[in-house]
């Protein structure tokens, strides 16, 4: 498996943060339905599943199906198509303060980078079971990159 840009490297995190900081309340998507605040909050869900205990664990059958069918798409090198459906846990509704959401997302990203690759090697994910550091990296980088591109950043 090939690793995408390394979210455990400070230079990559800085580049992503610079892209995030281009987003503001007036930013409009090139595709999809989310506004800027919702999109940034949506990107934080991946990190909430790592660091917060606010999302219920999927049951055995759902986790097995996620691991079999979704994990290769989420952790692989190939990017997401535009307007792909998202899991219900990632759907954000209502008004979100884009600046507060950006700060929250950036804090999660910095924490991930500081914990480092070794912390994530073999760490169990919320939905897919144990992942390699490369799979964690690809999942997190690809998701952020997809949505930053959605907003032209």
C-alpha atoms as a PDB file:
ATOM      1  CA  UNK A   1       0.000   0.000   0.000  1.00  0.00           C
ATOM      2  CA  UNK A   2       1.279   3.433  -0.953  1.00  0.00           C
ATOM      3  CA  UNK A   3       1.094   6.203   1.589  1.00  0.00           C
ATOM      4  CA  UNK A   4      -0.418   9.551   0.676  1.00  0.00           C
ATOM      5  CA  UNK A   5       1.217  12.741   2.016  1.00  0.00           C
ATOM      6  CA  UNK A   6       2.190  12.014   5.630  1.00  0.00           C
ATOM      7  CA  UNK A   7      -0.167  13.653   8.141  1.00  0.00           C
ATOM      8  CA  UNK A   8       2.329  12.782  10.848  1.00  0.00           C
ATOM      9  CA  UNK A   9       4.863  15.202   9.316  1.00  0.00           C
ATOM     10  CA  UNK A  10       4.709  18.840  10.509  1.00  0.00           C
ATOM     11  CA  UNK A  11       5.186  20.221   6.978  1.00  0.00           C
ATOM     12  CA  UNK A  12       2.154  18.310   5.682  1.00  0.00           C
ATOM     13  CA  UNK A  13       0.044  19.420   8.650  1.00  0.00           C
ATOM     14  CA  UNK A  14       1.115  23.029   8.082  1.00  0.00           C
ATOM     15  CA  UNK A  15       0.136  22.772   4.404  1.00  0.00           C
ATOM     16  CA  UNK A  16      -3.298  21.369   5.344  1.00  0.00           C
ATOM     17  CA  UNK A  17      -3.801  24.056   8.003  1.00  0.00           C
ATOM     18  CA  UNK A  18      -2.949  26.754   5.445  1.00  0.00           C
ATOM     19  CA  UNK A  19      -5.598  25.294   3.143  1.00  0.00           C
ATOM     20  CA  UNK A  20      -8.157  25.130   5.981  1.00  0.00           C
ATOM     21  CA  UNK A  21      -7.450  28.746   6.892  1.00  0.00           C
ATOM     22  CA  UNK A  22      -8.505  29.828   3.380  1.00  0.00           C
ATOM     23  CA  UNK A  23     -12.063  28.771   4.241  1.00  0.00           C
ATOM     24  CA  UNK A  24     -14.461  31.310   5.705  1.00  0.00           C
ATOM     25  CA  UNK A  25     -18.211  31.695   6.208  1.00  0.00           C
ATOM     26  CA  UNK A  26     -18.593  32.990   2.631  1.00  0.00           C
ATOM     27  CA  UNK A  27     -16.767  30.024   1.058  1.00  0.00           C
ATOM     28  CA  UNK A  28     -18.986  28.021  -1.280  1.00  0.00           C
ATOM     29  CA  UNK A  29     -18.573  24.403  -2.365  1.00  0.00           C
ATOM     30  CA  UNK A  30     -17.775  23.443  -5.939  1.00  0.00           C
ATOM     31  CA  UNK A  31     -20.027  20.400  -5.405  1.00  0.00           C
ATOM     32  CA  UNK A  32     -22.175  18.928  -2.632  1.00  0.00           C
ATOM     33  CA  UNK A  33     -24.671  20.338  -0.154  1.00  0.00           C
ATOM     34  CA  UNK A  34     -22.645  21.315   2.925  1.00  0.00           C
ATOM     35  CA  UNK A  35     -21.753  24.901   3.698  1.00  0.00           C
ATOM     36  CA  UNK A  36     -18.269  25.769   4.981  1.00  0.00           C
ATOM     37  CA  UNK A  37     -19.057  25.380   8.696  1.00  0.00           C
ATOM     38  CA  UNK A  38     -20.788  22.046   8.154  1.00  0.00           C
ATOM     39  CA  UNK A  39     -17.918  20.775   6.018  1.00  0.00           C
ATOM     40  CA  UNK A  40     -15.277  21.620   8.607  1.00  0.00           C
ATOM     41  CA  UNK A  41     -17.404  20.039  11.377  1.00  0.00           C
ATOM     42  CA  UNK A  42     -17.857  16.994   9.106  1.00  0.00           C
ATOM     43  CA  UNK A  43     -14.067  16.660   8.780  1.00  0.00           C
ATOM     44  CA  UNK A  44     -13.739  16.607  12.571  1.00  0.00           C
ATOM     45  CA  UNK A  45     -15.950  13.506  12.889  1.00  0.00           C
ATOM     46  CA  UNK A  46     -13.032  11.262  11.887  1.00  0.00           C
ATOM     47  CA  UNK A  47     -11.037  12.701  14.805  1.00  0.00           C
ATOM     48  CA  UNK A  48     -14.016  12.562  17.193  1.00  0.00           C
ATOM     49  CA  UNK A  49     -14.114   8.819  16.540  1.00  0.00           C
ATOM     50  CA  UNK A  50     -10.458   8.613  17.571  1.00  0.00           C
ATOM     51  CA  UNK A  51     -10.376  10.980  20.547  1.00  0.00           C
ATOM     52  CA  UNK A  52     -13.945  11.397  21.857  1.00  0.00           C
ATOM     53  CA  UNK A  53     -16.429   8.822  23.081  1.00  0.00           C
ATOM     54  CA  UNK A  54     -19.482  10.406  21.473  1.00  0.00           C
ATOM     55  CA  UNK A  55     -20.248   8.066  18.554  1.00  0.00           C
ATOM     56  CA  UNK A  56     -21.703   4.621  19.274  1.00  0.00           C
ATOM     57  CA  UNK A  57     -19.631   1.680  18.071  1.00  0.00           C
ATOM     58  CA  UNK A  58     -21.157  -0.206  15.134  1.00  0.00           C
ATOM     59  CA  UNK A  59     -22.482  -3.660  15.942  1.00  0.00           C
ATOM     60  CA  UNK A  60     -20.650  -6.819  14.911  1.00  0.00           C
ATOM     61  CA  UNK A  61     -22.423  -7.286  11.564  1.00  0.00           C
ATOM     62  CA  UNK A  62     -22.149  -3.628  10.546  1.00  0.00           C
ATOM     63  CA  UNK A  63     -18.467  -3.518  11.550  1.00  0.00           C
ATOM     64  CA  UNK A  64     -17.785  -6.689   9.560  1.00  0.00           C
ATOM     65  CA  UNK A  65     -19.490  -5.193   6.479  1.00  0.00           C
ATOM     66  CA  UNK A  66     -17.656  -1.890   6.918  1.00  0.00           C
ATOM     67  CA  UNK A  67     -14.332  -3.721   7.159  1.00  0.00           C
ATOM     68  CA  UNK A  68     -15.092  -5.859   4.108  1.00  0.00           C
ATOM     69  CA  UNK A  69     -16.654  -3.265   1.789  1.00  0.00           C
ATOM     70  CA  UNK A  70     -15.786   0.248   2.938  1.00  0.00           C
ATOM     71  CA  UNK A  71     -12.339  -0.028   4.541  1.00  0.00           C
ATOM     72  CA  UNK A  72     -10.474  -0.585   1.225  1.00  0.00           C
ATOM     73  CA  UNK A  73     -12.121   2.526  -0.253  1.00  0.00           C
ATOM     74  CA  UNK A  74     -11.486   4.690   2.823  1.00  0.00           C
ATOM     75  CA  UNK A  75      -7.905   3.600   3.527  1.00  0.00           C
ATOM     76  CA  UNK A  76      -6.695   3.070  -0.050  1.00  0.00           C
ATOM     77  CA  UNK A  77      -4.760   5.502  -2.237  1.00  0.00           C
ATOM     78  CA  UNK A  78      -7.548   6.295  -4.699  1.00  0.00           C
ATOM     79  CA  UNK A  79      -9.414   9.567  -4.067  1.00  0.00           C
ATOM     80  CA  UNK A  80     -13.136   9.879  -3.478  1.00  0.00           C
ATOM     81  CA  UNK A  81     -15.511  10.754  -6.299  1.00  0.00           C
ATOM     82  CA  UNK A  82     -17.383  14.052  -6.006  1.00  0.00           C
ATOM     83  CA  UNK A  83     -20.717  13.965  -4.146  1.00  0.00           C
ATOM     84  CA  UNK A  84     -20.177  10.435  -2.798  1.00  0.00           C
ATOM     85  CA  UNK A  85     -22.653   9.424  -0.068  1.00  0.00           C
ATOM     86  CA  UNK A  86     -21.449   9.689   3.495  1.00  0.00           C
ATOM     87  CA  UNK A  87     -22.156   7.600   6.566  1.00  0.00           C
ATOM     88  CA  UNK A  88     -24.957   8.891   8.788  1.00  0.00           C
ATOM     89  CA  UNK A  89     -22.489   9.656  11.609  1.00  0.00           C
ATOM     90  CA  UNK A  90     -20.796  12.187   9.325  1.00  0.00           C
ATOM     91  CA  UNK A  91     -23.924  14.103   8.300  1.00  0.00           C
ATOM     92  CA  UNK A  92     -23.844  17.584   9.800  1.00  0.00           C
ATOM     93  CA  UNK A  93     -26.992  19.696   9.922  1.00  0.00           C
ATOM     94  CA  UNK A  94     -27.732  23.134  11.274  1.00  0.00           C
ATOM     95  CA  UNK A  95     -25.504  26.178  11.474  1.00  0.00           C
ATOM     96  CA  UNK A  96     -21.888  25.740  12.498  1.00  0.00           C
ATOM     97  CA  UNK A  97     -19.468  28.554  13.331  1.00  0.00           C
ATOM     98  CA  UNK A  98     -16.773  28.030  10.718  1.00  0.00           C
ATOM     99  CA  UNK A  99     -14.025  29.681  12.787  1.00  0.00           C
ATOM    100  CA  UNK A 100     -14.761  27.547  15.875  1.00  0.00           C
ATOM    101  CA  UNK A 101     -14.936  24.425  13.724  1.00  0.00           C
ATOM    102  CA  UNK A 102     -11.637  25.272  12.023  1.00  0.00           C
ATOM    103  CA  UNK A 103      -9.925  25.701  15.412  1.00  0.00           C
ATOM    104  CA  UNK A 104     -11.332  22.372  16.606  1.00  0.00           C
ATOM    105  CA  UNK A 105     -10.230  20.531  13.459  1.00  0.00           C
ATOM    106  CA  UNK A 106      -6.756  22.079  13.551  1.00  0.00           C
ATOM    107  CA  UNK A 107      -6.352  21.054  17.204  1.00  0.00           C
ATOM    108  CA  UNK A 108      -7.251  17.460  16.308  1.00  0.00           C
ATOM    109  CA  UNK A 109      -4.774  17.501  13.429  1.00  0.00           C
ATOM    110  CA  UNK A 110      -1.959  18.849  15.612  1.00  0.00           C
ATOM    111  CA  UNK A 111      -2.687  16.250  18.298  1.00  0.00           C
ATOM    112  CA  UNK A 112      -2.544  13.479  15.680  1.00  0.00           C
ATOM    113  CA  UNK A 113       0.756  14.742  14.291  1.00  0.00           C
ATOM    114  CA  UNK A 114       2.254  15.071  17.788  1.00  0.00           C
ATOM    115  CA  UNK A 115       1.195  11.529  18.776  1.00  0.00           C
ATOM    116  CA  UNK A 116       2.944  10.329  15.638  1.00  0.00           C
ATOM    117  CA  UNK A 117       2.903   7.382  13.322  1.00  0.00           C
ATOM    118  CA  UNK A 118       3.988   4.848  15.967  1.00  0.00           C
ATOM    119  CA  UNK A 119       0.930   5.674  18.109  1.00  0.00           C
ATOM    120  CA  UNK A 120      -1.379   4.749  15.230  1.00  0.00           C
ATOM    121  CA  UNK A 121       0.396   1.574  14.087  1.00  0.00           C
ATOM    122  CA  UNK A 122      -2.025  -1.258  14.909  1.00  0.00           C
ATOM    123  CA  UNK A 123      -4.484   1.100  16.644  1.00  0.00           C
ATOM    124  CA  UNK A 124      -8.087  -0.040  16.393  1.00  0.00           C
ATOM    125  CA  UNK A 125     -10.444   2.260  14.531  1.00  0.00           C
ATOM    126  CA  UNK A 126     -14.054   2.948  15.407  1.00  0.00           C
ATOM    127  CA  UNK A 127     -15.410   1.196  12.311  1.00  0.00           C
ATOM    128  CA  UNK A 128     -12.687  -0.945  10.722  1.00  0.00           C
ATOM    129  CA  UNK A 129     -10.755  -2.694  13.490  1.00  0.00           C
ATOM    130  CA  UNK A 130      -6.966  -2.497  13.642  1.00  0.00           C
ATOM    131  CA  UNK A 131      -5.310  -0.334  11.008  1.00  0.00           C
ATOM    132  CA  UNK A 132      -1.720   0.238  10.022  1.00  0.00           C
ATOM    133  CA  UNK A 133      -0.259   3.730  10.350  1.00  0.00           C
ATOM    134  CA  UNK A 134      -0.388   3.967   6.539  1.00  0.00           C
ATOM    135  CA  UNK A 135      -4.105   3.142   6.539  1.00  0.00           C
ATOM    136  CA  UNK A 136      -4.752   5.749   9.263  1.00  0.00           C
ATOM    137  CA  UNK A 137      -2.727   8.286   7.315  1.00  0.00           C
ATOM    138  CA  UNK A 138      -4.506   7.620   4.033  1.00  0.00           C
ATOM    139  CA  UNK A 139      -7.936   7.734   5.658  1.00  0.00           C
ATOM    140  CA  UNK A 140      -7.320  11.057   7.401  1.00  0.00           C
ATOM    141  CA  UNK A 141      -5.381  12.779   4.620  1.00  0.00           C
ATOM    142  CA  UNK A 142      -7.692  11.675   1.810  1.00  0.00           C
ATOM    143  CA  UNK A 143     -10.828  12.813   3.632  1.00  0.00           C
ATOM    144  CA  UNK A 144      -9.431  16.256   4.440  1.00  0.00           C
ATOM    145  CA  UNK A 145      -7.981  16.722   0.963  1.00  0.00           C
ATOM    146  CA  UNK A 146     -11.294  15.729  -0.673  1.00  0.00           C
ATOM    147  CA  UNK A 147     -13.247  18.359   1.271  1.00  0.00           C
ATOM    148  CA  UNK A 148     -10.628  21.066   0.908  1.00  0.00           C
ATOM    149  CA  UNK A 149     -10.773  20.499  -2.852  1.00  0.00           C
ATOM    150  CA  UNK A 150     -14.577  20.652  -2.583  1.00  0.00           C
ATOM    151  CA  UNK A 151     -14.143  24.238  -1.373  1.00  0.00           C
ATOM    152  CA  UNK A 152     -11.427  25.117  -3.861  1.00  0.00           C
ATOM    153  CA  UNK A 153      -8.610  24.972  -1.307  1.00  0.00           C
END
